[in-house]
Protein backbone atom coordinates (compact mmCIF):
# COMPACT_ATOMS: atom_id res chain seq x y z
CA MET A 1 -47.07 11.38 -67.19
CA LYS A 2 -46.74 12.49 -63.81
CA LYS A 3 -46.20 9.87 -61.13
CA LYS A 4 -48.79 10.03 -58.33
CA ILE A 5 -47.75 9.92 -54.22
CA LEU A 6 -50.12 10.06 -51.44
CA ILE A 7 -48.70 11.22 -48.27
CA VAL A 8 -50.32 10.17 -45.24
CA ASP A 9 -49.39 11.94 -42.02
CA ASP A 10 -50.72 13.77 -39.41
CA GLU A 11 -47.82 15.85 -38.68
CA PRO A 12 -48.42 19.06 -40.80
CA ASN A 13 -44.54 20.21 -41.03
CA ILE A 14 -43.79 16.82 -42.41
CA VAL A 15 -46.31 16.82 -44.75
CA MET A 16 -45.78 20.13 -46.16
CA THR A 17 -41.98 19.50 -46.57
CA LEU A 18 -42.76 16.12 -48.58
CA GLU A 19 -45.42 17.76 -50.41
CA TYR A 20 -43.02 20.59 -51.59
CA THR A 21 -40.33 18.16 -52.46
CA PHE A 22 -42.19 15.91 -54.51
CA LYS A 23 -43.96 18.68 -56.19
CA LYS A 24 -40.73 19.88 -57.25
CA GLN A 25 -39.62 16.47 -58.56
CA ASP A 26 -42.68 16.86 -60.62
CA PHE A 27 -45.23 14.14 -59.03
CA GLU A 28 -48.84 14.68 -58.58
CA VAL A 29 -49.19 14.76 -54.82
CA PHE A 30 -52.03 13.72 -52.66
CA ILE A 31 -52.34 14.40 -48.98
CA ALA A 32 -54.16 12.76 -46.36
CA ARG A 33 -53.90 13.84 -42.39
CA ASP A 34 -55.31 10.13 -41.32
CA GLY A 35 -55.85 6.67 -42.53
CA SER A 36 -59.52 7.36 -43.03
CA GLU A 37 -58.71 10.59 -45.45
CA ALA A 38 -56.24 7.92 -47.16
CA LEU A 39 -58.88 5.23 -47.82
CA HIS A 40 -61.10 8.03 -49.36
CA ILE A 41 -58.37 9.39 -51.52
CA LEU A 42 -57.39 5.53 -52.66
CA GLU A 43 -60.71 4.84 -53.85
CA SER A 44 -60.70 7.45 -56.53
CA ASN A 45 -56.97 8.27 -57.01
CA PHE A 46 -54.64 5.35 -57.80
CA PRO A 47 -51.16 6.35 -56.49
CA ASP A 48 -47.75 5.09 -57.42
CA ILE A 49 -46.53 5.32 -54.32
CA VAL A 50 -47.76 6.01 -50.78
CA LEU A 51 -45.74 7.38 -47.98
CA LEU A 52 -47.43 6.33 -44.82
CA ASP A 53 -47.18 6.78 -41.09
CA ILE A 54 -48.31 4.15 -38.78
CA MET A 55 -49.53 6.23 -35.68
CA MET A 56 -52.72 8.18 -36.83
CA PRO A 57 -55.96 8.75 -35.34
CA ASP A 58 -59.01 6.75 -36.60
CA VAL A 59 -57.32 4.20 -39.12
CA ASP A 60 -53.49 3.65 -38.56
CA GLY A 61 -51.05 3.03 -41.13
CA TYR A 62 -51.40 -0.94 -40.46
CA GLN A 63 -54.90 -0.88 -41.42
CA THR A 64 -54.32 1.59 -44.31
CA LEU A 65 -51.87 -0.55 -45.50
CA LYS A 66 -54.03 -3.99 -45.22
CA TYR A 67 -56.75 -1.82 -47.46
CA ILE A 68 -54.53 -1.39 -50.30
CA LYS A 69 -53.19 -4.45 -50.12
CA SER A 70 -56.56 -6.12 -50.43
CA LYS A 71 -57.56 -4.22 -53.56
CA GLU A 72 -56.94 -5.24 -56.89
CA SER A 73 -57.05 -1.81 -58.20
CA LEU A 74 -54.12 -0.90 -55.94
CA LYS A 75 -52.08 -3.80 -56.69
CA GLN A 76 -49.19 -1.90 -58.26
CA THR A 77 -49.09 0.79 -55.58
CA LYS A 78 -46.01 0.74 -53.61
CA VAL A 79 -46.18 1.44 -49.76
CA VAL A 80 -43.36 2.85 -47.88
CA PHE A 81 -43.94 3.21 -44.14
CA LEU A 82 -42.32 6.62 -42.77
CA THR A 83 -42.91 6.30 -39.07
CA ALA A 84 -41.17 6.98 -35.48
CA LYS A 85 -41.73 3.33 -34.82
CA ASN A 86 -38.30 1.97 -35.22
CA LYS A 87 -38.09 -1.14 -32.97
CA ALA A 88 -37.40 -4.21 -34.88
CA SER A 89 -40.58 -5.77 -33.95
CA ASP A 90 -42.18 -2.81 -35.50
CA ILE A 91 -40.18 -2.83 -39.03
CA GLU A 92 -40.92 -6.81 -39.18
CA LYS A 93 -44.49 -6.21 -38.65
CA GLY A 94 -44.63 -3.45 -41.34
CA LEU A 95 -42.73 -5.59 -43.99
CA LYS A 96 -44.99 -8.72 -42.83
CA LEU A 97 -47.92 -6.87 -43.77
CA GLY A 98 -46.39 -5.83 -47.16
CA ALA A 99 -44.73 -2.70 -47.11
CA ASP A 100 -42.17 -2.14 -49.70
CA LYS A 101 -40.01 0.16 -47.49
CA TYR A 102 -39.70 1.04 -44.05
CA LEU A 103 -38.18 4.20 -43.22
CA THR A 104 -37.87 5.95 -39.91
CA LYS A 105 -38.24 9.36 -38.30
CA PRO A 106 -36.30 11.88 -37.96
CA PHE A 107 -35.39 11.30 -41.76
CA SER A 108 -33.26 13.00 -44.59
CA ILE A 109 -35.41 14.07 -47.46
CA LYS A 110 -32.80 12.99 -49.97
CA LYS A 111 -32.92 9.37 -48.79
CA ILE A 112 -36.90 9.56 -48.92
CA VAL A 113 -36.59 10.97 -52.69
CA SER A 114 -33.88 8.64 -53.80
CA GLU A 115 -35.99 5.60 -52.30
CA VAL A 116 -39.08 6.75 -53.75
CA LEU A 117 -37.40 7.02 -57.39
CA GLU A 118 -35.71 3.62 -57.07
CA LEU A 119 -38.83 1.76 -56.14
CA LEU A 120 -40.65 3.53 -58.80
CA ASN A 121 -38.15 2.47 -61.48
């Protein structure tokens, strides 16, 4: 069965790159361009992992993570922050809220793929 990944980012180039990469890895890929779109997708699809930007319009990554953590149906879902916010305090906040990993932009696609596969195995 295909693993499901939800990519949440408001930067089209990042979304396209990640979508292409994970489809090649045989993932079922869902895309959200902001947190409210992500919440909508999360209600009906239960991804194995979410790649989540923090700074987005409407609902930010922190609020999206809190939603995921509050839902019994998403208990198994892993969350990886993928963000330009790279201060120690940002990283600490993200991990405190329950993110499984915190990766900063700019990023290496190979590193993201290996981190995702590692979290899912």
